[in-house]
Amino acid sequence: MKLKHALIIGGVGMAIGGVMMAGSYMSGANLNVAWHDGPKVVKIKHINKTFAGQEIKQLRVTNDNNYVEIKRGTAWRVKMTTINANMSTQLRDGVLTVHATDQDNVMTTMSYDPAVTITVPDGVKLDKLDLTSENGGIAVKGLAVTQSLLRNDNGGFVWKTSLATQ
């Protein structure tokens, strides 16, 4: 009989918690949960920066656990998906630096893809590409580079129809 009471109380508590969670989700609450030294609610941000009219000759990317794609397009653009804005871009003296630092493991009902997409305009040839990655995959598509330095500890690497002279 005591077990029956515990099961009923637990079931009612679980049902109340489910109703509260559904109500907060429908009212627009942030339900992105990450696990890093315990559970915590995180904010997923989508960053989209363009660098129109800038003379960029070098690209430096430091990445921890994200998928990095460098491809051709119409303008310089950096798109990133991040937790709590742990990514940054900086343009100084013709060098575009992108830091995609460590990400927490995310369990979420929302769409989350830890990725960095860098678009290089058609016709631009980079003097130098310096790409360092810890655990993420890397794809370089259609890029012309004079000098490249690529380091990838764990993860795949794809270099498609790109031209590197050194």
Protein backbone atom coordinates (compact mmCIF):
# COMPACT_ATOMS: atom_id res chain seq x y z
CA MET A 1 0.00 0.00 0.00
CA LYS A 2 2.86 2.38 0.79
CA LEU A 3 4.37 1.79 -2.66
CA LYS A 4 1.04 2.59 -4.29
CA HIS A 5 0.89 5.97 -2.51
CA ALA A 6 4.47 6.81 -3.55
CA LEU A 7 3.73 5.92 -7.18
CA ILE A 8 0.55 8.00 -7.21
CA ILE A 9 2.28 11.01 -5.64
CA GLY A 10 5.22 10.70 -8.06
CA GLY A 11 2.90 10.39 -11.06
CA VAL A 12 0.89 13.46 -10.01
CA GLY A 13 4.11 15.44 -9.48
CA MET A 14 5.38 14.41 -12.89
CA ALA A 15 2.09 15.38 -14.55
CA ILE A 16 2.13 18.80 -12.84
CA GLY A 17 5.74 19.34 -13.94
CA GLY A 18 4.85 18.39 -17.51
CA VAL A 19 1.93 20.83 -17.57
CA MET A 20 4.17 23.60 -16.17
CA MET A 21 6.86 22.85 -18.77
CA ALA A 22 4.34 22.83 -21.64
CA GLY A 23 2.83 26.11 -20.41
CA SER A 24 6.21 27.84 -20.18
CA TYR A 25 7.21 26.49 -23.62
CA MET A 26 4.02 27.81 -25.21
CA SER A 27 4.56 31.22 -23.61
CA GLY A 28 8.00 31.48 -25.29
CA ALA A 29 10.36 30.46 -22.51
CA ASN A 30 13.96 29.54 -23.31
CA LEU A 31 14.16 25.75 -23.01
CA ASN A 32 17.67 25.20 -24.31
CA VAL A 33 19.40 23.06 -21.72
CA ALA A 34 23.14 22.37 -21.66
CA TRP A 35 25.03 19.93 -19.51
CA HIS A 36 28.42 21.14 -18.31
CA ASP A 37 29.15 20.48 -14.63
CA GLY A 38 25.40 20.11 -14.17
CA PRO A 39 22.34 21.23 -16.11
CA LYS A 40 21.83 24.88 -17.03
CA VAL A 41 19.59 26.88 -19.34
CA VAL A 42 21.53 28.53 -22.16
CA LYS A 43 20.73 31.04 -24.87
CA ILE A 44 21.49 30.04 -28.45
CA LYS A 45 22.49 32.98 -30.64
CA HIS A 46 22.83 33.23 -34.39
CA ILE A 47 25.50 35.75 -35.42
CA ASN A 48 25.65 37.06 -38.99
CA LYS A 49 28.35 39.64 -39.80
CA THR A 50 29.19 41.08 -43.20
CA PHE A 51 32.36 42.92 -44.15
CA ALA A 52 31.34 44.90 -47.24
CA GLY A 53 34.01 46.97 -48.97
CA GLN A 54 36.82 45.60 -46.80
CA GLU A 55 40.22 44.58 -48.17
CA ILE A 56 40.80 41.19 -46.52
CA LYS A 57 43.98 39.33 -47.48
CA GLN A 58 44.37 36.83 -44.62
CA LEU A 59 41.92 34.59 -42.79
CA ARG A 60 42.63 33.10 -39.35
CA VAL A 61 40.18 30.67 -37.78
CA THR A 62 40.53 29.11 -34.32
CA ASN A 63 37.89 26.47 -33.64
CA ASP A 64 37.17 24.06 -30.80
CA ASN A 65 34.06 21.92 -31.35
CA ASN A 66 32.22 23.40 -34.32
CA TYR A 67 31.82 22.51 -37.97
CA VAL A 68 33.68 25.12 -40.05
CA GLU A 69 32.83 25.72 -43.70
CA ILE A 70 34.72 28.21 -45.87
CA LYS A 71 33.10 28.74 -49.26
CA ARG A 72 32.68 31.16 -52.17
CA GLY A 73 29.87 33.68 -52.31
CA THR A 74 29.04 37.25 -53.23
CA ALA A 75 30.43 39.08 -50.17
CA TRP A 76 32.55 38.57 -47.05
CA ARG A 77 30.25 37.07 -44.44
CA VAL A 78 30.65 35.13 -41.19
CA LYS A 79 27.65 33.18 -39.88
CA MET A 80 27.91 31.46 -36.50
CA THR A 81 25.62 29.59 -34.16
CA THR A 82 26.75 29.86 -30.56
CA ILE A 83 25.80 29.36 -26.96
CA ASN A 84 25.96 32.54 -24.88
CA ALA A 85 27.98 34.33 -27.63
CA ASN A 86 31.23 32.38 -27.16
CA MET A 87 32.36 33.32 -30.67
CA SER A 88 33.97 36.48 -31.99
CA THR A 89 35.19 38.06 -35.20
CA GLN A 90 37.79 40.78 -35.60
CA LEU A 91 39.06 42.60 -38.67
CA ARG A 92 42.36 44.46 -38.37
CA ASP A 93 44.94 45.40 -41.02
CA GLY A 94 43.43 43.11 -43.67
CA VAL A 95 43.34 40.07 -41.36
CA LEU A 96 39.95 38.58 -40.52
CA THR A 97 40.17 36.56 -37.29
CA VAL A 98 37.36 34.22 -36.25
CA HIS A 99 37.37 32.57 -32.80
CA ALA A 100 34.87 29.77 -32.25
CA THR A 101 35.59 28.73 -28.68
CA ASP A 102 34.45 25.72 -26.70
CA GLN A 103 30.75 24.84 -26.73
CA ASP A 104 28.72 23.04 -24.10
CA ASN A 105 26.87 19.87 -24.99
CA VAL A 106 23.32 20.94 -25.74
CA MET A 107 20.14 18.92 -25.39
CA THR A 108 17.34 21.02 -26.83
CA THR A 109 14.00 20.95 -28.59
CA MET A 110 15.13 23.90 -30.72
CA SER A 111 17.29 23.73 -33.84
CA TYR A 112 20.95 23.91 -32.83
CA ASP A 113 23.90 23.21 -35.08
CA PRO A 114 27.27 24.43 -33.77
CA ALA A 115 28.66 25.75 -37.02
CA VAL A 116 30.74 28.55 -38.51
CA THR A 117 30.26 29.46 -42.17
CA ILE A 118 32.70 31.92 -43.73
CA THR A 119 31.86 33.22 -47.19
CA VAL A 120 34.67 34.64 -49.36
CA PRO A 121 33.68 36.76 -52.39
CA ASP A 122 34.25 35.37 -55.87
CA GLY A 123 37.53 36.53 -57.42
CA VAL A 124 39.34 37.06 -54.09
CA LYS A 125 42.66 35.27 -53.62
CA LEU A 126 43.80 35.07 -50.01
CA ASP A 127 47.47 35.60 -49.21
CA LYS A 128 47.22 33.32 -46.16
CA LEU A 129 44.74 30.90 -44.60
CA ASP A 130 45.52 29.83 -41.01
CA LEU A 131 42.98 27.31 -39.74
CA THR A 132 43.24 25.53 -36.38
CA SER A 133 40.58 23.10 -35.14
CA GLU A 134 40.35 20.86 -32.09
CA ASN A 135 37.35 18.55 -32.63
CA GLY A 136 35.25 19.96 -35.45
CA GLY A 137 34.95 19.09 -39.09
CA ILE A 138 36.36 21.46 -41.70
CA ALA A 139 35.26 22.03 -45.30
CA VAL A 140 37.03 24.44 -47.67
CA LYS A 141 35.26 24.85 -51.02
CA GLY A 142 36.38 26.82 -54.07
CA LEU A 143 39.01 28.96 -52.35
CA ALA A 144 42.17 30.43 -53.90
CA VAL A 145 45.01 30.74 -51.36
CA THR A 146 48.70 31.60 -51.74
CA GLN A 147 49.79 30.09 -48.41
CA SER A 148 47.82 27.83 -46.08
CA LEU A 149 48.45 26.41 -42.62
CA LEU A 150 45.86 23.83 -41.57
CA ARG A 151 45.75 21.98 -38.25
CA ASN A 152 42.94 19.63 -37.21
CA ASP A 153 43.35 17.40 -34.15
CA ASN A 154 40.13 15.34 -34.32
CA GLY A 155 37.56 15.60 -37.07
CA GLY A 156 37.30 15.38 -40.80
CA PHE A 157 38.77 17.71 -43.39
CA VAL A 158 37.50 18.36 -46.93
CA TRP A 159 39.35 20.58 -49.45
CA LYS A 160 37.20 20.80 -52.61
CA THR A 161 38.12 22.50 -55.88
CA SER A 162 40.35 24.97 -54.09
CA LEU A 163 43.69 26.29 -55.30
CA ALA A 164 46.63 26.57 -52.91
CA THR A 165 50.04 27.53 -54.25
CA GLN A 166 52.03 26.82 -51.10
